[in-house]
Amino acid sequence: MKFCPKCGKLMIPRREKDKIVLICPQCKNTIEVTHSVEVGYRVKHEVEEEKRTKMAIVTGTERKLTEEERQLLEDYYKVFLETYMEAEETSSEEGSE
């Protein structure tokens, strides 16, 4: 803890831009802190609950596809490949003109 050299009040740590300073609440005297460990201060920032990001990681929940789902995926894949090949042929024909 550090006390104000002018009035003797307890100095309060504040973060200003990229540095930590000690400010006297009474006379507004400021002292820049070079190493927070030396002074014994630690600036702590609380994040509000609604601003926190929560993430759940779920493992081991693989399920096997039903035959119907497998067939639908296969059909989708075939249609995708046909459409892709047609688009490639069209773009190569336009490029050669």
PDB file of N, CA and C in Angstrom:
ATOM      1  N   MET A   1       0.847  -1.179   0.000  1.00  0.00           N
ATOM      2  CA  MET A   1       0.000   0.000   0.000  1.00  0.00           C
ATOM      3  C   MET A   1       0.884   1.230   0.000  1.00  0.00           C
ATOM      4  N   LYS A   2       0.368   2.237  -0.656  1.00  0.00           N
ATOM      5  CA  LYS A   2       1.123   3.476  -0.757  1.00  0.00           C
ATOM      6  C   LYS A   2       0.210   4.630  -0.335  1.00  0.00           C
ATOM      7  N   PHE A   3       0.782   5.577   0.379  1.00  0.00           N
ATOM      8  CA  PHE A   3       0.028   6.729   0.841  1.00  0.00           C
ATOM      9  C   PHE A   3       0.500   7.977   0.112  1.00  0.00           C
ATOM     10  N   CYS A   4      -0.413   8.909  -0.082  1.00  0.00           N
ATOM     11  CA  CYS A   4      -0.122  10.149  -0.796  1.00  0.00           C
ATOM     12  C   CYS A   4       0.935  10.952  -0.032  1.00  0.00           C
ATOM     13  N   PRO A   5       2.000  11.366  -0.722  1.00  0.00           N
ATOM     14  CA  PRO A   5       3.028  12.158  -0.033  1.00  0.00           C
ATOM     15  C   PRO A   5       2.556  13.571   0.330  1.00  0.00           C
ATOM     16  N   LYS A   6       1.486  14.059  -0.319  1.00  0.00           N
ATOM     17  CA  LYS A   6       1.000  15.412  -0.042  1.00  0.00           C
ATOM     18  C   LYS A   6       0.032  15.453   1.133  1.00  0.00           C
ATOM     19  N   CYS A   7      -0.999  14.542   1.115  1.00  0.00           N
ATOM     20  CA  CYS A   7      -2.026  14.640   2.154  1.00  0.00           C
ATOM     21  C   CYS A   7      -2.101  13.407   3.059  1.00  0.00           C
ATOM     22  N   GLY A   8      -1.441  12.319   2.698  1.00  0.00           N
ATOM     23  CA  GLY A   8      -1.399  11.148   3.561  1.00  0.00           C
ATOM     24  C   GLY A   8      -2.540  10.149   3.355  1.00  0.00           C
ATOM     25  N   LYS A   9      -3.432  10.369   2.404  1.00  0.00           N
ATOM     26  CA  LYS A   9      -4.528   9.428   2.136  1.00  0.00           C
ATOM     27  C   LYS A   9      -4.002   8.215   1.380  1.00  0.00           C
ATOM     28  N   LEU A  10      -4.748   7.123   1.469  1.00  0.00           N
ATOM     29  CA  LEU A  10      -4.398   5.897   0.760  1.00  0.00           C
ATOM     30  C   LEU A  10      -4.590   6.102  -0.737  1.00  0.00           C
ATOM     31  N   MET A  11      -3.573   5.800  -1.537  1.00  0.00           N
ATOM     32  CA  MET A  11      -3.634   5.967  -2.983  1.00  0.00           C
ATOM     33  C   MET A  11      -4.347   4.760  -3.598  1.00  0.00           C
ATOM     34  N   ILE A  12      -5.158   5.005  -4.617  1.00  0.00           N
ATOM     35  CA  ILE A  12      -5.975   3.970  -5.249  1.00  0.00           C
ATOM     36  C   ILE A  12      -5.434   3.698  -6.655  1.00  0.00           C
ATOM     37  N   PRO A  13      -5.248   2.425  -7.011  1.00  0.00           N
ATOM     38  CA  PRO A  13      -4.726   2.139  -8.356  1.00  0.00           C
ATOM     39  C   PRO A  13      -5.804   2.306  -9.418  1.00  0.00           C
ATOM     40  N   ARG A  14      -5.411   2.831 -10.568  1.00  0.00           N
ATOM     41  CA  ARG A  14      -6.295   2.992 -11.722  1.00  0.00           C
ATOM     42  C   ARG A  14      -5.491   2.648 -12.978  1.00  0.00           C
ATOM     43  N   ARG A  15      -6.201   2.113 -13.976  1.00  0.00           N
ATOM     44  CA  ARG A  15      -5.551   1.849 -15.252  1.00  0.00           C
ATOM     45  C   ARG A  15      -5.857   3.013 -16.181  1.00  0.00           C
ATOM     46  N   GLU A  16      -4.811   3.631 -16.703  1.00  0.00           N
ATOM     47  CA  GLU A  16      -4.941   4.710 -17.675  1.00  0.00           C
ATOM     48  C   GLU A  16      -4.171   4.300 -18.917  1.00  0.00           C
ATOM     49  N   LYS A  17      -4.935   4.070 -20.005  1.00  0.00           N
ATOM     50  CA  LYS A  17      -4.386   3.598 -21.272  1.00  0.00           C
ATOM     51  C   LYS A  17      -3.630   2.294 -21.053  1.00  0.00           C
ATOM     52  N   ASP A  18      -2.310   2.289 -21.184  1.00  0.00           N
ATOM     53  CA  ASP A  18      -1.561   1.040 -21.060  1.00  0.00           C
ATOM     54  C   ASP A  18      -0.686   1.008 -19.803  1.00  0.00           C
ATOM     55  N   LYS A  19      -0.976   1.854 -18.827  1.00  0.00           N
ATOM     56  CA  LYS A  19      -0.169   1.863 -17.611  1.00  0.00           C
ATOM     57  C   LYS A  19      -1.064   1.951 -16.381  1.00  0.00           C
ATOM     58  N   ILE A  20      -0.476   1.659 -15.246  1.00  0.00           N
ATOM     59  CA  ILE A  20      -1.196   1.730 -13.972  1.00  0.00           C
ATOM     60  C   ILE A  20      -0.648   2.917 -13.184  1.00  0.00           C
ATOM     61  N   VAL A  21      -1.560   3.723 -12.654  1.00  0.00           N
ATOM     62  CA  VAL A  21      -1.169   4.864 -11.829  1.00  0.00           C
ATOM     63  C   VAL A  21      -1.893   4.785 -10.496  1.00  0.00           C
ATOM     64  N   LEU A  22      -1.292   5.387  -9.485  1.00  0.00           N
ATOM     65  CA  LEU A  22      -1.925   5.510  -8.172  1.00  0.00           C
ATOM     66  C   LEU A  22      -2.463   6.928  -8.066  1.00  0.00           C
ATOM     67  N   ILE A  23      -3.724   7.059  -7.685  1.00  0.00           N
ATOM     68  CA  ILE A  23      -4.365   8.372  -7.590  1.00  0.00           C
ATOM     69  C   ILE A  23      -4.876   8.581  -6.174  1.00  0.00           C
ATOM     70  N   CYS A  24      -4.624   9.744  -5.662  1.00  0.00           N
ATOM     71  CA  CYS A  24      -5.135  10.114  -4.347  1.00  0.00           C
ATOM     72  C   CYS A  24      -6.575  10.577  -4.516  1.00  0.00           C
ATOM     73  N   PRO A  25      -7.531  10.001  -3.761  1.00  0.00           N
ATOM     74  CA  PRO A  25      -8.929  10.395  -3.916  1.00  0.00           C
ATOM     75  C   PRO A  25      -9.220  11.806  -3.398  1.00  0.00           C
ATOM     76  N   GLN A  26      -8.348  12.353  -2.542  1.00  0.00           N
ATOM     77  CA  GLN A  26      -8.604  13.674  -1.979  1.00  0.00           C
ATOM     78  C   GLN A  26      -7.963  14.791  -2.809  1.00  0.00           C
ATOM     79  N   CYS A  27      -6.644  14.715  -3.035  1.00  0.00           N
ATOM     80  CA  CYS A  27      -5.960  15.815  -3.726  1.00  0.00           C
ATOM     81  C   CYS A  27      -5.656  15.514  -5.195  1.00  0.00           C
ATOM     82  N   LYS A  28      -6.019  14.346  -5.659  1.00  0.00           N
ATOM     83  CA  LYS A  28      -5.852  13.927  -7.065  1.00  0.00           C
ATOM     84  C   LYS A  28      -4.394  13.847  -7.503  1.00  0.00           C
ATOM     85  N   ASN A  29      -3.487  13.715  -6.560  1.00  0.00           N
ATOM     86  CA  ASN A  29      -2.078  13.519  -6.870  1.00  0.00           C
ATOM     87  C   ASN A  29      -1.915  12.145  -7.532  1.00  0.00           C
ATOM     88  N   THR A  30      -1.115  12.067  -8.591  1.00  0.00           N
ATOM     89  CA  THR A  30      -0.927  10.783  -9.269  1.00  0.00           C
ATOM     90  C   THR A  30       0.538  10.375  -9.281  1.00  0.00           C
ATOM     91  N   ILE A  31       0.754   9.067  -9.158  1.00  0.00           N
ATOM     92  CA  ILE A  31       2.089   8.488  -9.228  1.00  0.00           C
ATOM     93  C   ILE A  31       2.008   7.302 -10.178  1.00  0.00           C
ATOM     94  N   GLU A  32       2.912   7.255 -11.162  1.00  0.00           N
ATOM     95  CA  GLU A  32       2.927   6.137 -12.097  1.00  0.00           C
ATOM     96  C   GLU A  32       3.608   4.939 -11.433  1.00  0.00           C
ATOM     97  N   VAL A  33       2.980   3.768 -11.569  1.00  0.00           N
ATOM     98  CA  VAL A  33       3.514   2.541 -10.986  1.00  0.00           C
ATOM     99  C   VAL A  33       4.384   1.870 -12.033  1.00  0.00           C
ATOM    100  N   THR A  34       5.642   1.597 -11.654  1.00  0.00           N
ATOM    101  CA  THR A  34       6.530   0.935 -12.605  1.00  0.00           C
ATOM    102  C   THR A  34       6.340  -0.573 -12.571  1.00  0.00           C
ATOM    103  N   HIS A  35       6.252  -1.153 -11.395  1.00  0.00           N
ATOM    104  CA  HIS A  35       6.018  -2.592 -11.248  1.00  0.00           C
ATOM    105  C   HIS A  35       4.950  -2.794 -10.191  1.00  0.00           C
ATOM    106  N   SER A  36       3.814  -3.367 -10.591  1.00  0.00           N
ATOM    107  CA  SER A  36       2.712  -3.540  -9.651  1.00  0.00           C
ATOM    108  C   SER A  36       3.060  -4.524  -8.543  1.00  0.00           C
ATOM    109  N   VAL A  37       3.991  -5.437  -8.788  1.00  0.00           N
ATOM    110  CA  VAL A  37       4.381  -6.414  -7.770  1.00  0.00           C
ATOM    111  C   VAL A  37       5.137  -5.717  -6.647  1.00  0.00           C
ATOM    112  N   GLU A  38       5.968  -4.730  -7.001  1.00  0.00           N
ATOM    113  CA  GLU A  38       6.729  -3.998  -5.994  1.00  0.00           C
ATOM    114  C   GLU A  38       5.810  -3.247  -5.044  1.00  0.00           C
ATOM    115  N   VAL A  39       4.762  -2.651  -5.582  1.00  0.00           N
ATOM    116  CA  VAL A  39       3.863  -1.846  -4.772  1.00  0.00           C
ATOM    117  C   VAL A  39       2.877  -2.727  -4.020  1.00  0.00           C
ATOM    118  N   GLY A  40       2.571  -3.901  -4.568  1.00  0.00           N
ATOM    119  CA  GLY A  40       1.622  -4.794  -3.926  1.00  0.00           C
ATOM    120  C   GLY A  40       0.216  -4.634  -4.448  1.00  0.00           C
ATOM    121  N   TYR A  41       0.062  -3.936  -5.572  1.00  0.00           N
ATOM    122  CA  TYR A  41      -1.248  -3.741  -6.167  1.00  0.00           C
ATOM    123  C   TYR A  41      -1.424  -4.681  -7.350  1.00  0.00           C
ATOM    124  N   ARG A  42      -2.655  -5.061  -7.555  1.00  0.00           N
ATOM    125  CA  ARG A  42      -3.006  -5.860  -8.714  1.00  0.00           C
ATOM    126  C   ARG A  42      -4.306  -5.307  -9.260  1.00  0.00           C
ATOM    127  N   VAL A  43      -4.310  -4.876 -10.518  1.00  0.00           N
ATOM    128  CA  VAL A  43      -5.521  -4.344 -11.121  1.00  0.00           C
ATOM    129  C   VAL A  43      -6.343  -5.513 -11.625  1.00  0.00           C
ATOM    130  N   LYS A  44      -7.593  -5.533 -11.236  1.00  0.00           N
ATOM    131  CA  LYS A  44      -8.477  -6.638 -11.562  1.00  0.00           C
ATOM    132  C   LYS A  44      -9.703  -6.080 -12.254  1.00  0.00           C
ATOM    133  N   HIS A  45     -10.082  -6.721 -13.378  1.00  0.00           N
ATOM    134  CA  HIS A  45     -11.242  -6.261 -14.144  1.00  0.00           C
ATOM    135  C   HIS A  45     -12.288  -7.360 -14.136  1.00  0.00           C
ATOM    136  N   GLU A  46     -13.462  -7.055 -13.637  1.00  0.00           N
ATOM    137  CA  GLU A  46     -14.562  -8.011 -13.601  1.00  0.00           C
ATOM    138  C   GLU A  46     -15.358  -7.928 -14.900  1.00  0.00           C
ATOM    139  N   VAL A  47     -15.622  -9.069 -15.508  1.00  0.00           N
ATOM    140  CA  VAL A  47     -16.435  -9.122 -16.720  1.00  0.00           C
ATOM    141  C   VAL A  47     -17.852  -9.485 -16.312  1.00  0.00           C
ATOM    142  N   GLU A  48     -18.815  -8.706 -16.810  1.00  0.00           N
ATOM    143  CA  GLU A  48     -20.208  -8.951 -16.458  1.00  0.00           C
ATOM    144  C   GLU A  48     -20.656 -10.303 -17.009  1.00  0.00           C
ATOM    145  N   GLU A  49     -21.574 -10.931 -16.322  1.00  0.00           N
ATOM    146  CA  GLU A  49     -22.030 -12.277 -16.676  1.00  0.00           C
ATOM    147  C   GLU A  49     -22.562 -12.354 -18.101  1.00  0.00           C
ATOM    148  N   GLU A  50     -23.338 -11.340 -18.532  1.00  0.00           N
ATOM    149  CA  GLU A  50     -23.916 -11.405 -19.873  1.00  0.00           C
ATOM    150  C   GLU A  50     -22.884 -11.172 -20.976  1.00  0.00           C
ATOM    151  N   LYS A  51     -21.713 -10.643 -20.629  1.00  0.00           N
ATOM    152  CA  LYS A  51     -20.669 -10.425 -21.633  1.00  0.00           C
ATOM    153  C   LYS A  51     -19.699 -11.597 -21.722  1.00  0.00           C
ATOM    154  N   ARG A  52     -19.804 -12.542 -20.834  1.00  0.00           N
ATOM    155  CA  ARG A  52     -18.903 -13.696 -20.858  1.00  0.00           C
ATOM    156  C   ARG A  52     -19.303 -14.646 -21.976  1.00  0.00           C
ATOM    157  N   THR A  53     -18.320 -15.253 -22.584  1.00  0.00           N
ATOM    158  CA  THR A  53     -18.570 -16.231 -23.627  1.00  0.00           C
ATOM    159  C   THR A  53     -18.490 -17.607 -23.003  1.00  0.00           C
ATOM    160  N   LYS A  54     -19.535 -18.369 -23.209  1.00  0.00           N
ATOM    161  CA  LYS A  54     -19.553 -19.713 -22.670  1.00  0.00           C
ATOM    162  C   LYS A  54     -19.535 -20.695 -23.826  1.00  0.00           C
ATOM    163  N   MET A  55     -18.796 -21.767 -23.639  1.00  0.00           N
ATOM    164  CA  MET A  55     -18.683 -22.747 -24.696  1.00  0.00           C
ATOM    165  C   MET A  55     -18.705 -24.131 -24.060  1.00  0.00           C
ATOM    166  N   ALA A  56     -19.460 -24.996 -24.674  1.00  0.00           N
ATOM    167  CA  ALA A  56     -19.519 -26.379 -24.199  1.00  0.00           C
ATOM    168  C   ALA A  56     -18.864 -27.269 -25.241  1.00  0.00           C
ATOM    169  N   ILE A  57     -18.010 -28.143 -24.788  1.00  0.00           N
ATOM    170  CA  ILE A  57     -17.362 -29.092 -25.674  1.00  0.00           C
ATOM    171  C   ILE A  57     -17.915 -30.465 -25.331  1.00  0.00           C
ATOM    172  N   VAL A  58     -18.537 -31.066 -26.310  1.00  0.00           N
ATOM    173  CA  VAL A  58     -19.155 -32.369 -26.100  1.00  0.00           C
ATOM    174  C   VAL A  58     -18.380 -33.390 -26.917  1.00  0.00           C
ATOM    175  N   THR A  59     -17.983 -34.450 -26.280  1.00  0.00           N
ATOM    176  CA  THR A  59     -17.236 -35.490 -26.989  1.00  0.00           C
ATOM    177  C   THR A  59     -17.911 -36.835 -26.785  1.00  0.00           C
ATOM    178  N   GLY A  60     -17.622 -37.729 -27.681  1.00  0.00           N
ATOM    179  CA  GLY A  60     -18.116 -39.093 -27.538  1.00  0.00           C
ATOM    180  C   GLY A  60     -19.603 -39.249 -27.799  1.00  0.00           C
ATOM    181  N   THR A  61     -20.186 -38.358 -28.587  1.00  0.00           N
ATOM    182  CA  THR A  61     -21.621 -38.455 -28.843  1.00  0.00           C
ATOM    183  C   THR A  61     -21.899 -38.811 -30.303  1.00  0.00           C
ATOM    184  N   GLU A  62     -20.948 -39.482 -30.930  1.00  0.00           N
ATOM    185  CA  GLU A  62     -21.154 -39.857 -32.323  1.00  0.00           C
ATOM    186  C   GLU A  62     -22.297 -40.850 -32.418  1.00  0.00           C
ATOM    187  N   ARG A  63     -23.137 -40.625 -33.414  1.00  0.00           N
ATOM    188  CA  ARG A  63     -24.213 -41.577 -33.638  1.00  0.00           C
ATOM    189  C   ARG A  63     -24.111 -42.035 -35.072  1.00  0.00           C
ATOM    190  N   LYS A  64     -24.552 -43.211 -35.310  1.00  0.00           N
ATOM    191  CA  LYS A  64     -24.503 -43.752 -36.655  1.00  0.00           C
ATOM    192  C   LYS A  64     -25.703 -43.253 -37.430  1.00  0.00           C
ATOM    193  N   LEU A  65     -25.468 -42.977 -38.726  1.00  0.00           N
ATOM    194  CA  LEU A  65     -26.544 -42.521 -39.588  1.00  0.00           C
ATOM    195  C   LEU A  65     -27.464 -43.682 -39.921  1.00  0.00           C
ATOM    196  N   THR A  66     -28.732 -43.347 -40.024  1.00  0.00           N
ATOM    197  CA  THR A  66     -29.680 -44.371 -40.464  1.00  0.00           C
ATOM    198  C   THR A  66     -29.495 -44.571 -41.967  1.00  0.00           C
ATOM    199  N   GLU A  67     -30.031 -45.630 -42.465  1.00  0.00           N
ATOM    200  CA  GLU A  67     -29.917 -45.923 -43.898  1.00  0.00           C
ATOM    201  C   GLU A  67     -30.562 -44.807 -44.724  1.00  0.00           C
ATOM    202  N   GLU A  68     -31.676 -44.272 -44.242  1.00  0.00           N
ATOM    203  CA  GLU A  68     -32.363 -43.186 -44.940  1.00  0.00           C
ATOM    204  C   GLU A  68     -31.490 -41.933 -44.993  1.00  0.00           C
ATOM    205  N   GLU A  69     -30.855 -41.568 -43.858  1.00  0.00           N
ATOM    206  CA  GLU A  69     -29.977 -40.402 -43.815  1.00  0.00           C
ATOM    207  C   GLU A  69     -28.767 -40.596 -44.726  1.00  0.00           C
ATOM    208  N   ARG A  70     -28.216 -41.789 -44.723  1.00  0.00           N
ATOM    209  CA  ARG A  70     -27.068 -42.089 -45.563  1.00  0.00           C
ATOM    210  C   ARG A  70     -27.444 -41.935 -47.044  1.00  0.00           C
ATOM    211  N   GLN A  71     -28.616 -42.415 -47.414  1.00  0.00           N
ATOM    212  CA  GLN A  71     -29.081 -42.316 -48.795  1.00  0.00           C
ATOM    213  C   GLN A  71     -29.304 -40.859 -49.193  1.00  0.00           C
ATOM    214  N   LEU A  72     -29.889 -40.070 -48.299  1.00  0.00           N
ATOM    215  CA  LEU A  72     -30.103 -38.646 -48.577  1.00  0.00           C
ATOM    216  C   LEU A  72     -28.774 -37.913 -48.785  1.00  0.00           C
ATOM    217  N   LEU A  73     -27.791 -38.206 -47.950  1.00  0.00           N
ATOM    218  CA  LEU A  73     -26.476 -37.586 -48.102  1.00  0.00           C
ATOM    219  C   LEU A  73     -25.819 -37.991 -49.414  1.00  0.00           C
ATOM    220  N   GLU A  74     -25.953 -39.232 -49.792  1.00  0.00           N
ATOM    221  CA  GLU A  74     -25.379 -39.710 -51.042  1.00  0.00           C
ATOM    222  C   GLU A  74     -26.033 -39.013 -52.239  1.00  0.00           C
ATOM    223  N   ASP A  75     -27.367 -38.889 -52.207  1.00  0.00           N
ATOM    224  CA  ASP A  75     -28.080 -38.199 -53.278  1.00  0.00           C
ATOM    225  C   ASP A  75     -27.661 -36.735 -53.364  1.00  0.00           C
ATOM    226  N   TYR A  76     -27.548 -36.091 -52.215  1.00  0.00           N
ATOM    227  CA  TYR A  76     -27.124 -34.691 -52.174  1.00  0.00           C
ATOM    228  C   TYR A  76     -25.736 -34.538 -52.777  1.00  0.00           C
ATOM    229  N   TYR A  77     -24.830 -35.435 -52.411  1.00  0.00           N
ATOM    230  CA  TYR A  77     -23.456 -35.387 -52.898  1.00  0.00           C
ATOM    231  C   TYR A  77     -23.419 -35.558 -54.415  1.00  0.00           C
ATOM    232  N   LYS A  78     -24.220 -36.477 -54.964  1.00  0.00           N
ATOM    233  CA  LYS A  78     -24.266 -36.692 -56.411  1.00  0.00           C
ATOM    234  C   LYS A  78     -24.773 -35.439 -57.127  1.00  0.00           C
ATOM    235  N   VAL A  79     -25.841 -34.832 -56.616  1.00  0.00           N
ATOM    236  CA  VAL A  79     -26.388 -33.612 -57.225  1.00  0.00           C
ATOM    237  C   VAL A  79     -25.361 -32.490 -57.156  1.00  0.00           C
ATOM    238  N   PHE A  80     -24.674 -32.376 -56.040  1.00  0.00           N
ATOM    239  CA  PHE A  80     -23.648 -31.351 -55.890  1.00  0.00           C
ATOM    240  C   PHE A  80     -22.544 -31.531 -56.919  1.00  0.00           C
ATOM    241  N   LEU A  81     -22.063 -32.760 -57.078  1.00  0.00           N
ATOM    242  CA  LEU A  81     -20.990 -33.011 -58.040  1.00  0.00           C
ATOM    243  C   LEU A  81     -21.437 -32.721 -59.470  1.00  0.00           C
ATOM    244  N   GLU A  82     -22.655 -33.106 -59.822  1.00  0.00           N
ATOM    245  CA  GLU A  82     -23.168 -32.835 -61.168  1.00  0.00           C
ATOM    246  C   GLU A  82     -23.248 -31.322 -61.415  1.00  0.00           C
ATOM    247  N   THR A  83     -23.763 -30.594 -60.454  1.00  0.00           N
ATOM    248  CA  THR A  83     -23.887 -29.144 -60.585  1.00  0.00           C
ATOM    249  C   THR A  83     -22.511 -28.502 -60.690  1.00  0.00           C
ATOM    250  N   TYR A  84     -21.584 -28.981 -59.897  1.00  0.00           N
ATOM    251  CA  TYR A  84     -20.222 -28.446 -59.902  1.00  0.00           C
ATOM    252  C   TYR A  84     -19.553 -28.696 -61.253  1.00  0.00           C
ATOM    253  N   MET A  85     -19.701 -29.903 -61.793  1.00  0.00           N
ATOM    254  CA  MET A  85     -19.092 -30.244 -63.077  1.00  0.00           C
ATOM    255  C   MET A  85     -19.699 -29.390 -64.196  1.00  0.00           C
ATOM    256  N   GLU A  86     -21.012 -29.174 -64.172  1.00  0.00           N
ATOM    257  CA  GLU A  86     -21.663 -28.327 -65.171  1.00  0.00           C
ATOM    258  C   GLU A  86     -21.144 -26.898 -65.095  1.00  0.00           C
ATOM    259  N   ALA A  87     -20.977 -26.395 -63.893  1.00  0.00           N
ATOM    260  CA  ALA A  87     -20.467 -25.029 -63.715  1.00  0.00           C
ATOM    261  C   ALA A  87     -19.035 -24.927 -64.220  1.00  0.00           C
ATOM    262  N   GLU A  88     -18.224 -25.937 -63.988  1.00  0.00           N
ATOM    263  CA  GLU A  88     -16.842 -25.950 -64.463  1.00  0.00           C
ATOM    264  C   GLU A  88     -16.801 -25.959 -65.987  1.00  0.00           C
ATOM    265  N   GLU A  89     -17.654 -26.785 -66.608  1.00  0.00           N
ATOM    266  CA  GLU A  89     -17.686 -26.856 -68.070  1.00  0.00           C
ATOM    267  C   GLU A  89     -18.138 -25.529 -68.667  1.00  0.00           C
ATOM    268  N   THR A  90     -19.125 -24.895 -68.053  1.00  0.00           N
ATOM    269  CA  THR A  90     -19.629 -23.618 -68.537  1.00  0.00           C
ATOM    270  C   THR A  90     -18.556 -22.531 -68.434  1.00  0.00           C
ATOM    271  N   SER A  91     -17.855 -22.505 -67.324  1.00  0.00           N
ATOM    272  CA  SER A  91     -16.830 -21.475 -67.132  1.00  0.00           C
ATOM    273  C   SER A  91     -15.639 -21.706 -68.058  1.00  0.00           C
ATOM    274  N   SER A  92     -15.306 -22.963 -68.333  1.00  0.00           N
ATOM    275  CA  SER A  92     -14.181 -23.215 -69.246  1.00  0.00           C
ATOM    276  C   SER A  92     -14.565 -22.884 -70.683  1.00  0.00           C
ATOM    277  N   GLU A  93     -15.841 -23.077 -71.067  1.00  0.00           N
ATOM    278  CA  GLU A  93     -16.316 -22.732 -72.412  1.00  0.00           C
ATOM    279  C   GLU A  93     -16.327 -21.206 -72.577  1.00  0.00           C
ATOM    280  N   GLU A  94     -16.734 -20.485 -71.548  1.00  0.00           N
ATOM    281  CA  GLU A  94     -16.756 -19.024 -71.620  1.00  0.00           C
ATOM    282  C   GLU A  94     -15.349 -18.469 -71.700  1.00  0.00           C
ATOM    283  N   GLY A  95     -14.418 -19.103 -71.033  1.00  0.00           N
ATOM    284  CA  GLY A  95     -13.031 -18.648 -71.029  1.00  0.00           C
ATOM    285  C   GLY A  95     -12.339 -18.878 -72.357  1.00  0.00           C
ATOM    286  N   SER A  96     -12.769 -19.876 -73.135  1.00  0.00           N
ATOM    287  CA  SER A  96     -12.133 -20.175 -74.415  1.00  0.00           C
ATOM    288  C   SER A  96     -12.681 -19.340 -75.555  1.00  0.00           C
ATOM    289  N   GLU A  97     -13.770 -18.630 -75.352  1.00  0.00           N
ATOM    290  CA  GLU A  97     -14.369 -17.815 -76.424  1.00  0.00           C
ATOM    291  C   GLU A  97     -13.680 -16.517 -76.620  1.00  0.00           C
TER     292      GLU A  97
END
